[in-house]
Amino acid sequence: MGMFNARKLRERRKKARWKKKKYRDRIRRKMGKFFDPLEGAPQARGLVLSKRQVEQKQPHSGMLKCVRVKLIKNGKEVTAHAPRDKAINFIQEHDEVMIEGIGGSQKKAYGSLPGVKYRVFKVNGISLEMLRTGRKQRAAR
């Protein structure tokens, strides 16, 4: 600790503060770096723009069925997973779907799904699980 060490100490302290989660979150919130399309809500409605397949991350292999959804409340676009077997067949473009968080820690992507943080649970007001198991049918337009 020399006589002319003040700048180095100050810079070192500034760098070390970023290790603290509380400080990091506070500053990022000020900078607008937190991106939450649902704006704090647990669920949201949206319109299906397209269907797509997402490849799983290593070490898993497989193509997971997802849909691109445009949220009604703010116009933001997110990718949502259609869970379970043949669920994607009950979702068509321009359908109104309800999405919810997929359950990864701190709103992160879940498991081997890169960038997918939401899942579809309702299509046109009918539960996706009911449609999938055949207990309810799609409303004919």
C-alpha atoms as a PDB file:
ATOM      1  CA  MET A   1       0.000   0.000   0.000  1.00  0.00           C
ATOM      2  CA  GLY A   2       2.067   2.837  -1.324  1.00  0.00           C
ATOM      3  CA  MET A   3       1.530   6.532  -1.060  1.00  0.00           C
ATOM      4  CA  PHE A   4       0.118   6.760  -4.603  1.00  0.00           C
ATOM      5  CA  ASN A   5      -2.080   3.670  -4.429  1.00  0.00           C
ATOM      6  CA  ALA A   6      -5.522   5.314  -4.045  1.00  0.00           C
ATOM      7  CA  ARG A   7      -6.581   4.937  -7.716  1.00  0.00           C
ATOM      8  CA  LYS A   8      -5.684   1.259  -7.788  1.00  0.00           C
ATOM      9  CA  LEU A   9      -7.577   0.595  -4.522  1.00  0.00           C
ATOM     10  CA  ARG A  10     -10.645   2.445  -5.820  1.00  0.00           C
ATOM     11  CA  GLU A  11     -10.671   0.519  -9.127  1.00  0.00           C
ATOM     12  CA  ARG A  12     -10.179  -2.802  -7.331  1.00  0.00           C
ATOM     13  CA  ARG A  13     -13.117  -2.071  -4.981  1.00  0.00           C
ATOM     14  CA  LYS A  14     -15.319  -1.084  -7.967  1.00  0.00           C
ATOM     15  CA  LYS A  15     -14.516  -4.397  -9.675  1.00  0.00           C
ATOM     16  CA  ALA A  16     -15.110  -6.440  -6.513  1.00  0.00           C
ATOM     17  CA  ARG A  17     -18.602  -4.963  -5.975  1.00  0.00           C
ATOM     18  CA  TRP A  18     -19.852  -6.818  -9.076  1.00  0.00           C
ATOM     19  CA  LYS A  19     -19.324 -10.105  -7.228  1.00  0.00           C
ATOM     20  CA  LYS A  20     -22.161  -9.172  -4.850  1.00  0.00           C
ATOM     21  CA  LYS A  21     -25.563 -10.234  -6.197  1.00  0.00           C
ATOM     22  CA  LYS A  22     -27.478  -7.420  -4.492  1.00  0.00           C
ATOM     23  CA  TYR A  23     -25.284  -4.741  -6.080  1.00  0.00           C
ATOM     24  CA  ARG A  24     -25.314  -6.449  -9.489  1.00  0.00           C
ATOM     25  CA  ASP A  25     -29.125  -6.694  -9.592  1.00  0.00           C
ATOM     26  CA  ARG A  26     -29.596  -3.095  -8.434  1.00  0.00           C
ATOM     27  CA  ILE A  27     -27.307  -1.628 -11.062  1.00  0.00           C
ATOM     28  CA  ARG A  28     -28.639  -3.829 -13.871  1.00  0.00           C
ATOM     29  CA  ARG A  29     -32.196  -2.824 -13.017  1.00  0.00           C
ATOM     30  CA  LYS A  30     -31.158   0.836 -13.301  1.00  0.00           C
ATOM     31  CA  MET A  31     -29.525   0.149 -16.653  1.00  0.00           C
ATOM     32  CA  GLY A  32     -32.656  -1.656 -17.898  1.00  0.00           C
ATOM     33  CA  LYS A  33     -30.793  -4.907 -18.527  1.00  0.00           C
ATOM     34  CA  PHE A  34     -33.517  -7.138 -17.061  1.00  0.00           C
ATOM     35  CA  PHE A  35     -35.803  -8.284 -19.848  1.00  0.00           C
ATOM     36  CA  ASP A  36     -39.088  -9.769 -18.621  1.00  0.00           C
ATOM     37  CA  PRO A  37     -41.659  -9.937 -21.430  1.00  0.00           C
ATOM     38  CA  LEU A  38     -44.410 -10.983 -18.974  1.00  0.00           C
ATOM     39  CA  GLU A  39     -43.678  -7.843 -16.901  1.00  0.00           C
ATOM     40  CA  GLY A  40     -43.861  -9.677 -13.588  1.00  0.00           C
ATOM     41  CA  ALA A  41     -47.086 -11.570 -14.345  1.00  0.00           C
ATOM     42  CA  PRO A  42     -47.203 -15.372 -13.905  1.00  0.00           C
ATOM     43  CA  GLN A  43     -49.080 -15.978 -17.180  1.00  0.00           C
ATOM     44  CA  ALA A  44     -49.817 -14.154 -20.428  1.00  0.00           C
ATOM     45  CA  ARG A  45     -51.975 -14.442 -23.552  1.00  0.00           C
ATOM     46  CA  GLY A  46     -50.541 -14.324 -27.020  1.00  0.00           C
ATOM     47  CA  LEU A  47     -51.047 -15.172 -30.672  1.00  0.00           C
ATOM     48  CA  VAL A  48     -49.082 -17.955 -32.373  1.00  0.00           C
ATOM     49  CA  LEU A  49     -46.891 -16.607 -35.163  1.00  0.00           C
ATOM     50  CA  SER A  50     -45.170 -19.821 -36.226  1.00  0.00           C
ATOM     51  CA  LYS A  51     -44.286 -23.351 -35.198  1.00  0.00           C
ATOM     52  CA  ARG A  52     -40.646 -24.355 -34.937  1.00  0.00           C
ATOM     53  CA  GLN A  53     -38.323 -27.057 -33.699  1.00  0.00           C
ATOM     54  CA  VAL A  54     -35.554 -26.321 -31.210  1.00  0.00           C
ATOM     55  CA  GLU A  55     -32.561 -28.614 -30.971  1.00  0.00           C
ATOM     56  CA  GLN A  56     -31.623 -29.666 -27.433  1.00  0.00           C
ATOM     57  CA  LYS A  57     -28.299 -28.735 -25.885  1.00  0.00           C
ATOM     58  CA  GLN A  58     -25.556 -31.313 -25.319  1.00  0.00           C
ATOM     59  CA  PRO A  59     -25.504 -34.079 -24.103  1.00  0.00           C
ATOM     60  CA  HIS A  60     -29.177 -34.567 -25.116  1.00  0.00           C
ATOM     61  CA  SER A  61     -30.345 -34.981 -28.667  1.00  0.00           C
ATOM     62  CA  GLY A  62     -33.775 -34.447 -30.124  1.00  0.00           C
ATOM     63  CA  MET A  63     -35.970 -31.804 -31.655  1.00  0.00           C
ATOM     64  CA  LEU A  64     -38.373 -30.144 -29.227  1.00  0.00           C
ATOM     65  CA  LYS A  65     -41.542 -28.595 -30.599  1.00  0.00           C
ATOM     66  CA  CYS A  66     -41.971 -24.905 -29.850  1.00  0.00           C
ATOM     67  CA  VAL A  67     -44.105 -21.998 -31.025  1.00  0.00           C
ATOM     68  CA  ARG A  68     -43.246 -18.349 -31.525  1.00  0.00           C
ATOM     69  CA  VAL A  69     -45.814 -16.263 -29.616  1.00  0.00           C
ATOM     70  CA  LYS A  70     -46.544 -12.531 -29.841  1.00  0.00           C
ATOM     71  CA  LEU A  71     -47.880 -11.300 -26.489  1.00  0.00           C
ATOM     72  CA  ILE A  72     -51.119  -9.315 -26.556  1.00  0.00           C
ATOM     73  CA  LYS A  73     -50.270  -7.070 -23.595  1.00  0.00           C
ATOM     74  CA  ASN A  74     -47.085  -5.523 -25.027  1.00  0.00           C
ATOM     75  CA  GLY A  75     -46.398  -6.955 -28.484  1.00  0.00           C
ATOM     76  CA  LYS A  76     -43.173  -8.701 -27.448  1.00  0.00           C
ATOM     77  CA  GLU A  77     -42.275 -12.030 -29.041  1.00  0.00           C
ATOM     78  CA  VAL A  78     -41.211 -15.114 -27.073  1.00  0.00           C
ATOM     79  CA  THR A  79     -40.600 -18.782 -27.802  1.00  0.00           C
ATOM     80  CA  ALA A  80     -42.803 -21.202 -25.849  1.00  0.00           C
ATOM     81  CA  HIS A  81     -42.507 -24.977 -25.568  1.00  0.00           C
ATOM     82  CA  ALA A  82     -45.444 -27.269 -26.404  1.00  0.00           C
ATOM     83  CA  PRO A  83     -44.986 -29.966 -23.745  1.00  0.00           C
ATOM     84  CA  ARG A  84     -45.529 -33.724 -24.171  1.00  0.00           C
ATOM     85  CA  ASP A  85     -46.278 -36.023 -27.054  1.00  0.00           C
ATOM     86  CA  LYS A  86     -48.154 -34.671 -30.136  1.00  0.00           C
ATOM     87  CA  ALA A  87     -49.171 -31.443 -28.344  1.00  0.00           C
ATOM     88  CA  ILE A  88     -47.911 -29.343 -31.257  1.00  0.00           C
ATOM     89  CA  ASN A  89     -50.612 -30.874 -33.514  1.00  0.00           C
ATOM     90  CA  PHE A  90     -53.345 -29.070 -31.527  1.00  0.00           C
ATOM     91  CA  ILE A  91     -51.719 -25.659 -31.950  1.00  0.00           C
ATOM     92  CA  GLN A  92     -52.113 -23.793 -35.241  1.00  0.00           C
ATOM     93  CA  GLU A  93     -50.935 -20.420 -36.456  1.00  0.00           C
ATOM     94  CA  HIS A  94     -53.049 -17.445 -35.298  1.00  0.00           C
ATOM     95  CA  ASP A  95     -54.431 -19.431 -32.344  1.00  0.00           C
ATOM     96  CA  GLU A  96     -54.707 -17.614 -29.037  1.00  0.00           C
ATOM     97  CA  VAL A  97     -52.555 -19.381 -26.431  1.00  0.00           C
ATOM     98  CA  MET A  98     -51.829 -18.904 -22.751  1.00  0.00           C
ATOM     99  CA  ILE A  99     -48.207 -19.247 -21.667  1.00  0.00           C
ATOM    100  CA  GLU A 100     -46.552 -19.581 -18.276  1.00  0.00           C
ATOM    101  CA  GLY A 101     -42.997 -19.667 -16.985  1.00  0.00           C
ATOM    102  CA  ILE A 102     -41.344 -23.029 -17.480  1.00  0.00           C
ATOM    103  CA  GLY A 103     -39.852 -23.213 -13.986  1.00  0.00           C
ATOM    104  CA  GLY A 104     -36.114 -22.722 -14.475  1.00  0.00           C
ATOM    105  CA  SER A 105     -34.326 -21.035 -11.575  1.00  0.00           C
ATOM    106  CA  GLN A 106     -34.411 -17.211 -11.684  1.00  0.00           C
ATOM    107  CA  LYS A 107     -36.547 -17.231 -14.862  1.00  0.00           C
ATOM    108  CA  LYS A 108     -33.770 -18.916 -16.816  1.00  0.00           C
ATOM    109  CA  ALA A 109     -34.234 -21.508 -19.543  1.00  0.00           C
ATOM    110  CA  TYR A 110     -35.220 -24.935 -18.263  1.00  0.00           C
ATOM    111  CA  GLY A 111     -32.971 -27.964 -18.704  1.00  0.00           C
ATOM    112  CA  SER A 112     -31.713 -28.553 -22.227  1.00  0.00           C
ATOM    113  CA  LEU A 113     -33.962 -25.985 -23.931  1.00  0.00           C
ATOM    114  CA  PRO A 114     -31.732 -23.123 -25.119  1.00  0.00           C
ATOM    115  CA  GLY A 115     -33.523 -19.778 -24.814  1.00  0.00           C
ATOM    116  CA  VAL A 116     -36.979 -21.245 -24.129  1.00  0.00           C
ATOM    117  CA  LYS A 117     -38.387 -19.903 -20.865  1.00  0.00           C
ATOM    118  CA  TYR A 118     -42.137 -20.413 -21.330  1.00  0.00           C
ATOM    119  CA  ARG A 119     -44.601 -23.222 -22.053  1.00  0.00           C
ATOM    120  CA  VAL A 120     -48.065 -23.319 -23.617  1.00  0.00           C
ATOM    121  CA  PHE A 121     -50.844 -24.642 -21.386  1.00  0.00           C
ATOM    122  CA  LYS A 122     -54.044 -23.424 -23.087  1.00  0.00           C
ATOM    123  CA  VAL A 123     -55.120 -23.118 -26.707  1.00  0.00           C
ATOM    124  CA  ASN A 124     -58.193 -20.984 -27.528  1.00  0.00           C
ATOM    125  CA  GLY A 125     -59.349 -21.257 -23.909  1.00  0.00           C
ATOM    126  CA  ILE A 126     -59.128 -25.083 -23.766  1.00  0.00           C
ATOM    127  CA  SER A 127     -56.458 -26.850 -21.754  1.00  0.00           C
ATOM    128  CA  LEU A 128     -53.738 -28.329 -23.977  1.00  0.00           C
ATOM    129  CA  GLU A 129     -53.661 -31.456 -21.803  1.00  0.00           C
ATOM    130  CA  MET A 130     -57.421 -32.029 -22.348  1.00  0.00           C
ATOM    131  CA  LEU A 131     -56.995 -31.686 -26.113  1.00  0.00           C
ATOM    132  CA  ARG A 132     -53.969 -33.989 -26.104  1.00  0.00           C
ATOM    133  CA  THR A 133     -55.657 -36.770 -24.141  1.00  0.00           C
ATOM    134  CA  GLY A 134     -58.894 -36.505 -26.174  1.00  0.00           C
ATOM    135  CA  ARG A 135     -61.149 -35.428 -23.310  1.00  0.00           C
ATOM    136  CA  LYS A 136     -62.101 -32.219 -25.150  1.00  0.00           C
ATOM    137  CA  GLN A 137     -62.178 -31.218 -28.792  1.00  0.00           C
ATOM    138  CA  ARG A 138     -61.064 -28.071 -30.566  1.00  0.00           C
ATOM    139  CA  ALA A 139     -63.855 -25.581 -31.155  1.00  0.00           C
ATOM    140  CA  ALA A 140     -64.846 -25.628 -34.851  1.00  0.00           C
ATOM    141  CA  ARG A 141     -64.835 -22.141 -36.296  1.00  0.00           C
END
